[in-house]
PDB file of all heavy atoms in Angstrom:
ATOM      1  N   THR A   1       0.833  -1.169  -0.001  1.00  0.00           N
ATOM      2  CA  THR A   1       0.038   0.021   0.013  1.00  0.00           C
ATOM      3  C   THR A   1       0.867   1.273  -0.027  1.00  0.00           C
ATOM      4  O   THR A   1       0.349   2.358  -0.319  1.00  0.00           O
ATOM      5  CB  THR A   1      -0.926  -0.024   1.258  1.00  0.00           C
ATOM      6  OG1 THR A   1      -0.197  -0.096   2.459  1.00  0.00           O
ATOM      7  CG2 THR A   1      -1.925  -1.103   1.119  1.00  0.00           C
ATOM      8  N   ASN A   2       2.143   1.104   0.384  1.00  0.00           N
ATOM      9  CA  ASN A   2       2.963   2.266   0.567  1.00  0.00           C
ATOM     10  C   ASN A   2       4.138   2.346  -0.511  1.00  0.00           C
ATOM     11  O   ASN A   2       4.521   1.312  -1.030  1.00  0.00           O
ATOM     12  CB  ASN A   2       3.597   2.302   1.936  1.00  0.00           C
ATOM     13  CG  ASN A   2       2.565   2.409   3.016  1.00  0.00           C
ATOM     14  OD1 ASN A   2       1.585   3.074   2.862  1.00  0.00           O
ATOM     15  ND2 ASN A   2       2.812   1.648   4.079  1.00  0.00           N
ATOM     16  N   ARG A   3       4.697   3.482  -0.689  1.00  0.00           N
ATOM     17  CA  ARG A   3       5.865   3.630  -1.538  1.00  0.00           C
ATOM     18  C   ARG A   3       7.097   3.164  -0.743  1.00  0.00           C
ATOM     19  O   ARG A   3       7.054   3.293   0.420  1.00  0.00           O
ATOM     20  CB  ARG A   3       6.037   5.093  -2.009  1.00  0.00           C
ATOM     21  CG  ARG A   3       5.062   5.524  -3.000  1.00  0.00           C
ATOM     22  CD  ARG A   3       5.401   6.980  -3.333  1.00  0.00           C
ATOM     23  NE  ARG A   3       4.338   7.401  -4.246  1.00  0.00           N
ATOM     24  CZ  ARG A   3       4.432   7.259  -5.554  1.00  0.00           C
ATOM     25  NH1 ARG A   3       5.380   6.680  -6.159  1.00  0.00           N
ATOM     26  NH2 ARG A   3       3.417   7.886  -6.368  1.00  0.00           N
ATOM     27  N   PRO A   4       8.206   2.713  -1.345  1.00  0.00           N
ATOM     28  CA  PRO A   4       8.287   2.294  -2.732  1.00  0.00           C
ATOM     29  C   PRO A   4       7.678   1.012  -3.054  1.00  0.00           C
ATOM     30  O   PRO A   4       7.257   0.267  -2.169  1.00  0.00           O
ATOM     31  CB  PRO A   4       9.852   2.256  -2.898  1.00  0.00           C
ATOM     32  CG  PRO A   4      10.375   1.959  -1.553  1.00  0.00           C
ATOM     33  CD  PRO A   4       9.355   2.520  -0.593  1.00  0.00           C
ATOM     34  N   ALA A   5       7.482   0.664  -4.279  1.00  0.00           N
ATOM     35  CA  ALA A   5       6.890  -0.569  -4.851  1.00  0.00           C
ATOM     36  C   ALA A   5       5.453  -0.527  -4.480  1.00  0.00           C
ATOM     37  O   ALA A   5       4.867  -1.662  -4.481  1.00  0.00           O
ATOM     38  CB  ALA A   5       7.608  -1.705  -4.290  1.00  0.00           C
ATOM     39  N   GLN A   6       4.778   0.555  -4.419  1.00  0.00           N
ATOM     40  CA  GLN A   6       3.344   0.608  -4.206  1.00  0.00           C
ATOM     41  C   GLN A   6       2.526  -0.087  -5.279  1.00  0.00           C
ATOM     42  O   GLN A   6       2.857   0.129  -6.416  1.00  0.00           O
ATOM     43  CB  GLN A   6       2.897   2.043  -4.043  1.00  0.00           C
ATOM     44  CG  GLN A   6       1.508   2.296  -3.665  1.00  0.00           C
ATOM     45  CD  GLN A   6       1.232   3.799  -3.505  1.00  0.00           C
ATOM     46  OE1 GLN A   6       1.625   4.536  -4.371  1.00  0.00           O
ATOM     47  NE2 GLN A   6       0.435   4.081  -2.528  1.00  0.00           N
ATOM     48  N   GLY A   7       1.659  -0.879  -4.796  1.00  0.00           N
ATOM     49  CA  GLY A   7       0.751  -1.596  -5.763  1.00  0.00           C
ATOM     50  C   GLY A   7       1.393  -2.939  -6.141  1.00  0.00           C
ATOM     51  O   GLY A   7       0.555  -3.841  -6.751  1.00  0.00           O
ATOM     52  N   PHE A   8       2.545  -3.255  -5.958  1.00  0.00           N
ATOM     53  CA  PHE A   8       3.167  -4.533  -6.353  1.00  0.00           C
ATOM     54  C   PHE A   8       2.993  -5.562  -5.373  1.00  0.00           C
ATOM     55  O   PHE A   8       2.835  -5.235  -4.128  1.00  0.00           O
ATOM     56  CB  PHE A   8       4.723  -4.357  -6.621  1.00  0.00           C
ATOM     57  CG  PHE A   8       5.123  -3.695  -7.922  1.00  0.00           C
ATOM     58  CD1 PHE A   8       5.362  -2.416  -8.052  1.00  0.00           C
ATOM     59  CD2 PHE A   8       5.155  -4.521  -9.029  1.00  0.00           C
ATOM     60  CE1 PHE A   8       5.736  -1.820  -9.222  1.00  0.00           C
ATOM     61  CE2 PHE A   8       5.583  -3.954 -10.253  1.00  0.00           C
ATOM     62  CZ  PHE A   8       5.754  -2.624 -10.427  1.00  0.00           C
ATOM     63  N   TRP A   9       3.003  -6.815  -5.754  1.00  0.00           N
ATOM     64  CA  TRP A   9       3.095  -7.943  -4.845  1.00  0.00           C
ATOM     65  C   TRP A   9       4.506  -8.126  -4.355  1.00  0.00           C
ATOM     66  O   TRP A   9       5.389  -8.187  -5.228  1.00  0.00           O
ATOM     67  CB  TRP A   9       2.487  -9.195  -5.484  1.00  0.00           C
ATOM     68  CG  TRP A   9       1.023  -9.128  -5.654  1.00  0.00           C
ATOM     69  CD1 TRP A   9       0.382  -8.595  -6.776  1.00  0.00           C
ATOM     70  CD2 TRP A   9      -0.045  -9.500  -4.749  1.00  0.00           C
ATOM     71  NE1 TRP A   9      -0.967  -8.660  -6.583  1.00  0.00           N
ATOM     72  CE2 TRP A   9      -1.226  -9.156  -5.328  1.00  0.00           C
ATOM     73  CE3 TRP A   9      -0.028 -10.035  -3.447  1.00  0.00           C
ATOM     74  CZ2 TRP A   9      -2.433  -9.419  -4.694  1.00  0.00           C
ATOM     75  CZ3 TRP A   9      -1.192 -10.242  -2.850  1.00  0.00           C
ATOM     76  CH2 TRP A   9      -2.393  -9.928  -3.409  1.00  0.00           C
ATOM     77  N   PHE A  10       4.727  -8.196  -3.060  1.00  0.00           N
ATOM     78  CA  PHE A  10       6.093  -8.147  -2.569  1.00  0.00           C
ATOM     79  C   PHE A  10       6.139  -9.072  -1.277  1.00  0.00           C
ATOM     80  O   PHE A  10       5.095  -9.155  -0.629  1.00  0.00           O
ATOM     81  CB  PHE A  10       6.431  -6.711  -2.165  1.00  0.00           C
ATOM     82  CG  PHE A  10       7.864  -6.345  -2.306  1.00  0.00           C
ATOM     83  CD1 PHE A  10       8.335  -5.684  -3.417  1.00  0.00           C
ATOM     84  CD2 PHE A  10       8.787  -6.584  -1.231  1.00  0.00           C
ATOM     85  CE1 PHE A  10       9.680  -5.325  -3.536  1.00  0.00           C
ATOM     86  CE2 PHE A  10      10.097  -6.305  -1.414  1.00  0.00           C
ATOM     87  CZ  PHE A  10      10.507  -5.673  -2.521  1.00  0.00           C
ATOM     88  N   VAL A  11       7.372  -9.600  -1.013  1.00  0.00           N
ATOM     89  CA  VAL A  11       7.419 -10.324   0.226  1.00  0.00           C
ATOM     90  C   VAL A  11       7.413  -9.392   1.421  1.00  0.00           C
ATOM     91  O   VAL A  11       7.685  -8.184   1.325  1.00  0.00           O
ATOM     92  CB  VAL A  11       8.884 -11.103   0.304  1.00  0.00           C
ATOM     93  CG1 VAL A  11       8.897 -12.170  -0.837  1.00  0.00           C
ATOM     94  CG2 VAL A  11       9.995 -10.210   0.224  1.00  0.00           C
ATOM     95  N   PRO A  12       6.950  -9.858   2.530  1.00  0.00           N
ATOM     96  CA  PRO A  12       6.821  -9.011   3.770  1.00  0.00           C
ATOM     97  C   PRO A  12       8.268  -8.660   4.245  1.00  0.00           C
ATOM     98  O   PRO A  12       9.292  -9.342   3.953  1.00  0.00           O
ATOM     99  CB  PRO A  12       6.154  -9.889   4.849  1.00  0.00           C
ATOM    100  CG  PRO A  12       5.516 -10.966   4.031  1.00  0.00           C
ATOM    101  CD  PRO A  12       6.328 -11.167   2.785  1.00  0.00           C
ATOM    102  N   GLY A  13       8.406  -7.662   5.064  1.00  0.00           N
ATOM    103  CA  GLY A  13       9.701  -7.197   5.642  1.00  0.00           C
ATOM    104  C   GLY A  13       9.677  -5.858   6.056  1.00  0.00           C
ATOM    105  O   GLY A  13       8.671  -5.208   6.104  1.00  0.00           O
ATOM    106  N   GLY A  14      10.930  -5.265   6.414  1.00  0.00           N
ATOM    107  CA  GLY A  14      10.955  -3.969   6.918  1.00  0.00           C
ATOM    108  C   GLY A  14      12.331  -3.639   7.341  1.00  0.00           C
ATOM    109  O   GLY A  14      13.245  -4.481   7.323  1.00  0.00           O
ATOM    110  N   ARG A  15      12.458  -2.324   7.710  1.00  0.00           N
ATOM    111  CA  ARG A  15      13.715  -1.699   8.178  1.00  0.00           C
ATOM    112  C   ARG A  15      14.186  -2.264   9.525  1.00  0.00           C
ATOM    113  O   ARG A  15      13.383  -2.539  10.403  1.00  0.00           O
ATOM    114  CB  ARG A  15      13.672  -0.253   8.257  1.00  0.00           C
ATOM    115  CG  ARG A  15      13.438   0.485   6.898  1.00  0.00           C
ATOM    116  CD  ARG A  15      13.515   1.976   7.071  1.00  0.00           C
ATOM    117  NE  ARG A  15      13.100   2.519   8.222  1.00  0.00           N
ATOM    118  CZ  ARG A  15      11.802   2.962   8.478  1.00  0.00           C
ATOM    119  NH1 ARG A  15      10.891   2.726   7.481  1.00  0.00           N
ATOM    120  NH2 ARG A  15      11.404   3.453   9.606  1.00  0.00           N
ATOM    121  N   ILE A  16      15.498  -2.360   9.653  1.00  0.00           N
ATOM    122  CA  ILE A  16      16.179  -2.606  10.931  1.00  0.00           C
ATOM    123  C   ILE A  16      16.301  -1.245  11.548  1.00  0.00           C
ATOM    124  O   ILE A  16      16.804  -0.210  10.971  1.00  0.00           O
ATOM    125  CB  ILE A  16      17.493  -3.315  10.766  1.00  0.00           C
ATOM    126  CG1 ILE A  16      17.330  -4.670  10.028  1.00  0.00           C
ATOM    127  CG2 ILE A  16      18.200  -3.473  12.157  1.00  0.00           C
ATOM    128  CD1 ILE A  16      18.556  -5.403   9.682  1.00  0.00           C
ATOM    129  N   LEU A  17      15.915  -1.062  12.825  1.00  0.00           N
ATOM    130  CA  LEU A  17      16.007   0.154  13.521  1.00  0.00           C
ATOM    131  C   LEU A  17      17.333   0.305  14.136  1.00  0.00           C
ATOM    132  O   LEU A  17      18.067  -0.575  14.483  1.00  0.00           O
ATOM    133  CB  LEU A  17      14.873   0.192  14.644  1.00  0.00           C
ATOM    134  CG  LEU A  17      13.466   0.044  14.065  1.00  0.00           C
ATOM    135  CD1 LEU A  17      12.472   0.010  15.323  1.00  0.00           C
ATOM    136  CD2 LEU A  17      13.117   1.075  13.090  1.00  0.00           C
ATOM    137  N   LYS A  18      17.755   1.655  14.364  1.00  0.00           N
ATOM    138  CA  LYS A  18      19.004   2.016  15.155  1.00  0.00           C
ATOM    139  C   LYS A  18      18.931   1.383  16.433  1.00  0.00           C
ATOM    140  O   LYS A  18      17.911   1.330  17.175  1.00  0.00           O
ATOM    141  CB  LYS A  18      19.060   3.567  15.238  1.00  0.00           C
ATOM    142  CG  LYS A  18      20.178   4.139  16.042  1.00  0.00           C
ATOM    143  CD  LYS A  18      21.487   4.014  15.335  1.00  0.00           C
ATOM    144  CE  LYS A  18      22.533   4.690  16.165  1.00  0.00           C
ATOM    145  NZ  LYS A  18      23.858   4.606  15.627  1.00  0.00           N
ATOM    146  N   SER A  19      20.118   0.720  16.787  1.00  0.00           N
ATOM    147  CA  SER A  19      20.286   0.044  18.104  1.00  0.00           C
ATOM    148  C   SER A  19      19.475  -1.194  18.283  1.00  0.00           C
ATOM    149  O   SER A  19      19.384  -1.731  19.327  1.00  0.00           O
ATOM    150  CB  SER A  19      20.048   0.988  19.295  1.00  0.00           C
ATOM    151  OG  SER A  19      20.909   2.140  19.191  1.00  0.00           O
ATOM    152  N   GLU A  20      18.907  -1.779  17.263  1.00  0.00           N
ATOM    153  CA  GLU A  20      18.099  -2.896  17.279  1.00  0.00           C
ATOM    154  C   GLU A  20      19.003  -4.073  16.728  1.00  0.00           C
ATOM    155  O   GLU A  20      19.609  -4.011  15.677  1.00  0.00           O
ATOM    156  CB  GLU A  20      16.882  -2.873  16.418  1.00  0.00           C
ATOM    157  CG  GLU A  20      15.975  -3.949  16.489  1.00  0.00           C
ATOM    158  CD  GLU A  20      14.629  -3.780  15.651  1.00  0.00           C
ATOM    159  OE1 GLU A  20      14.788  -3.263  14.500  1.00  0.00           O
ATOM    160  OE2 GLU A  20      13.589  -4.096  16.095  1.00  0.00           O
ATOM    161  N   THR A  21      19.115  -5.211  17.509  1.00  0.00           N
ATOM    162  CA  THR A  21      19.882  -6.286  17.048  1.00  0.00           C
ATOM    163  C   THR A  21      19.188  -7.007  15.865  1.00  0.00           C
ATOM    164  O   THR A  21      17.928  -6.773  15.711  1.00  0.00           O
ATOM    165  CB  THR A  21      20.079  -7.368  18.159  1.00  0.00           C
ATOM    166  OG1 THR A  21      18.847  -7.931  18.472  1.00  0.00           O
ATOM    167  CG2 THR A  21      20.737  -6.731  19.412  1.00  0.00           C
ATOM    168  N   LEU A  22      19.831  -7.782  15.128  1.00  0.00           N
ATOM    169  CA  LEU A  22      19.253  -8.590  14.072  1.00  0.00           C
ATOM    170  C   LEU A  22      18.131  -9.519  14.614  1.00  0.00           C
ATOM    171  O   LEU A  22      17.074  -9.615  14.023  1.00  0.00           O
ATOM    172  CB  LEU A  22      20.268  -9.303  13.261  1.00  0.00           C
ATOM    173  CG  LEU A  22      21.249  -8.452  12.389  1.00  0.00           C
ATOM    174  CD1 LEU A  22      22.245  -9.386  11.740  1.00  0.00           C
ATOM    175  CD2 LEU A  22      20.466  -7.689  11.341  1.00  0.00           C
ATOM    176  N   ASP A  23      18.483 -10.106  15.694  1.00  0.00           N
ATOM    177  CA  ASP A  23      17.507 -11.023  16.296  1.00  0.00           C
ATOM    178  C   ASP A  23      16.234 -10.307  16.791  1.00  0.00           C
ATOM    179  O   ASP A  23      15.111 -10.850  16.465  1.00  0.00           O
ATOM    180  CB  ASP A  23      18.110 -11.818  17.487  1.00  0.00           C
ATOM    181  CG  ASP A  23      19.095 -12.895  17.077  1.00  0.00           C
ATOM    182  OD1 ASP A  23      19.034 -13.327  15.914  1.00  0.00           O
ATOM    183  OD2 ASP A  23      19.855 -13.160  17.862  1.00  0.00           O
ATOM    184  N   ASP A  24      16.432  -9.157  17.358  1.00  0.00           N
ATOM    185  CA  ASP A  24      15.203  -8.366  17.777  1.00  0.00           C
ATOM    186  C   ASP A  24      14.403  -7.823  16.587  1.00  0.00           C
ATOM    187  O   ASP A  24      13.254  -7.841  16.531  1.00  0.00           O
ATOM    188  CB  ASP A  24      15.731  -7.160  18.645  1.00  0.00           C
ATOM    189  CG  ASP A  24      16.089  -7.653  19.984  1.00  0.00           C
ATOM    190  OD1 ASP A  24      15.854  -8.817  20.467  1.00  0.00           O
ATOM    191  OD2 ASP A  24      16.759  -6.798  20.753  1.00  0.00           O
ATOM    192  N   ALA A  25      15.206  -7.463  15.557  1.00  0.00           N
ATOM    193  CA  ALA A  25      14.521  -6.918  14.292  1.00  0.00           C
ATOM    194  C   ALA A  25      13.682  -7.978  13.705  1.00  0.00           C
ATOM    195  O   ALA A  25      12.598  -7.894  13.182  1.00  0.00           O
ATOM    196  CB  ALA A  25      15.504  -6.321  13.359  1.00  0.00           C
ATOM    197  N   PHE A  26      14.306  -9.207  13.560  1.00  0.00           N
ATOM    198  CA  PHE A  26      13.614 -10.320  12.926  1.00  0.00           C
ATOM    199  C   PHE A  26      12.330 -10.721  13.711  1.00  0.00           C
ATOM    200  O   PHE A  26      11.283 -10.886  13.077  1.00  0.00           O
ATOM    201  CB  PHE A  26      14.539 -11.517  12.864  1.00  0.00           C
ATOM    202  CG  PHE A  26      14.132 -12.671  12.053  1.00  0.00           C
ATOM    203  CD1 PHE A  26      14.401 -12.713  10.676  1.00  0.00           C
ATOM    204  CD2 PHE A  26      13.268 -13.672  12.500  1.00  0.00           C
ATOM    205  CE1 PHE A  26      13.890 -13.671   9.896  1.00  0.00           C
ATOM    206  CE2 PHE A  26      12.848 -14.804  11.716  1.00  0.00           C
ATOM    207  CZ  PHE A  26      13.090 -14.718  10.394  1.00  0.00           C
ATOM    208  N   ARG A  27      12.447 -10.819  15.036  1.00  0.00           N
ATOM    209  CA  ARG A  27      11.350 -11.076  15.884  1.00  0.00           C
ATOM    210  C   ARG A  27      10.213 -10.003  15.744  1.00  0.00           C
ATOM    211  O   ARG A  27       9.029 -10.327  15.555  1.00  0.00           O
ATOM    212  CB  ARG A  27      11.763 -11.152  17.329  1.00  0.00           C
ATOM    213  CG  ARG A  27      10.813 -11.874  18.183  1.00  0.00           C
ATOM    214  CD  ARG A  27      11.410 -11.989  19.718  1.00  0.00           C
ATOM    215  NE  ARG A  27      12.698 -12.702  19.692  1.00  0.00           N
ATOM    216  CZ  ARG A  27      13.882 -12.077  19.958  1.00  0.00           C
ATOM    217  NH1 ARG A  27      13.942 -10.768  20.260  1.00  0.00           N
ATOM    218  NH2 ARG A  27      14.971 -12.815  19.920  1.00  0.00           N
ATOM    219  N   ARG A  28      10.624  -8.685  15.735  1.00  0.00           N
ATOM    220  CA  ARG A  28       9.622  -7.663  15.597  1.00  0.00           C
ATOM    221  C   ARG A  28       8.893  -7.650  14.222  1.00  0.00           C
ATOM    222  O   ARG A  28       7.695  -7.531  14.047  1.00  0.00           O
ATOM    223  CB  ARG A  28      10.374  -6.299  15.787  1.00  0.00           C
ATOM    224  CG  ARG A  28       9.376  -5.085  15.503  1.00  0.00           C
ATOM    225  CD  ARG A  28      10.098  -3.781  15.640  1.00  0.00           C
ATOM    226  NE  ARG A  28      11.298  -3.617  14.775  1.00  0.00           N
ATOM    227  CZ  ARG A  28      11.261  -3.181  13.465  1.00  0.00           C
ATOM    228  NH1 ARG A  28      10.105  -2.976  12.929  1.00  0.00           N
ATOM    229  NH2 ARG A  28      12.371  -3.075  12.804  1.00  0.00           N
ATOM    230  N   LEU A  29       9.785  -7.886  13.095  1.00  0.00           N
ATOM    231  CA  LEU A  29       9.242  -7.934  11.789  1.00  0.00           C
ATOM    232  C   LEU A  29       8.313  -9.107  11.519  1.00  0.00           C
ATOM    233  O   LEU A  29       7.272  -8.969  10.874  1.00  0.00           O
ATOM    234  CB  LEU A  29      10.359  -7.813  10.751  1.00  0.00           C
ATOM    235  CG  LEU A  29      11.025  -6.432  10.718  1.00  0.00           C
ATOM    236  CD1 LEU A  29      12.275  -6.484   9.912  1.00  0.00           C
ATOM    237  CD2 LEU A  29      10.133  -5.437  10.191  1.00  0.00           C
ATOM    238  N   THR A  30       8.698 -10.292  12.035  1.00  0.00           N
ATOM    239  CA  THR A  30       7.827 -11.398  11.807  1.00  0.00           C
ATOM    240  C   THR A  30       6.488 -11.204  12.598  1.00  0.00           C
ATOM    241  O   THR A  30       5.418 -11.595  12.050  1.00  0.00           O
ATOM    242  CB  THR A  30       8.452 -12.718  12.286  1.00  0.00           C
ATOM    243  OG1 THR A  30       8.937 -12.669  13.624  1.00  0.00           O
ATOM    244  CG2 THR A  30       9.594 -13.164  11.304  1.00  0.00           C
ATOM    245  N   GLN A  31       6.524 -10.573  13.744  1.00  0.00           N
ATOM    246  CA  GLN A  31       5.396 -10.265  14.551  1.00  0.00           C
ATOM    247  C   GLN A  31       4.441  -9.203  13.755  1.00  0.00           C
ATOM    248  O   GLN A  31       3.256  -9.503  13.564  1.00  0.00           O
ATOM    249  CB  GLN A  31       5.687  -9.785  15.920  1.00  0.00           C
ATOM    250  CG  GLN A  31       4.323  -9.510  16.760  1.00  0.00           C
ATOM    251  CD  GLN A  31       3.525 -10.761  16.969  1.00  0.00           C
ATOM    252  OE1 GLN A  31       3.959 -11.702  17.535  1.00  0.00           O
ATOM    253  NE2 GLN A  31       2.271 -10.675  16.539  1.00  0.00           N
TER     254      GLN A  31
END
């Protein structure tokens, strides 16, 4: 629904936040 790639079919995902470990980011994004 949002830019970039708005309207396209895309795998889920998202940004890693500052001071967020990869494990914490993965857990947050999957949730």
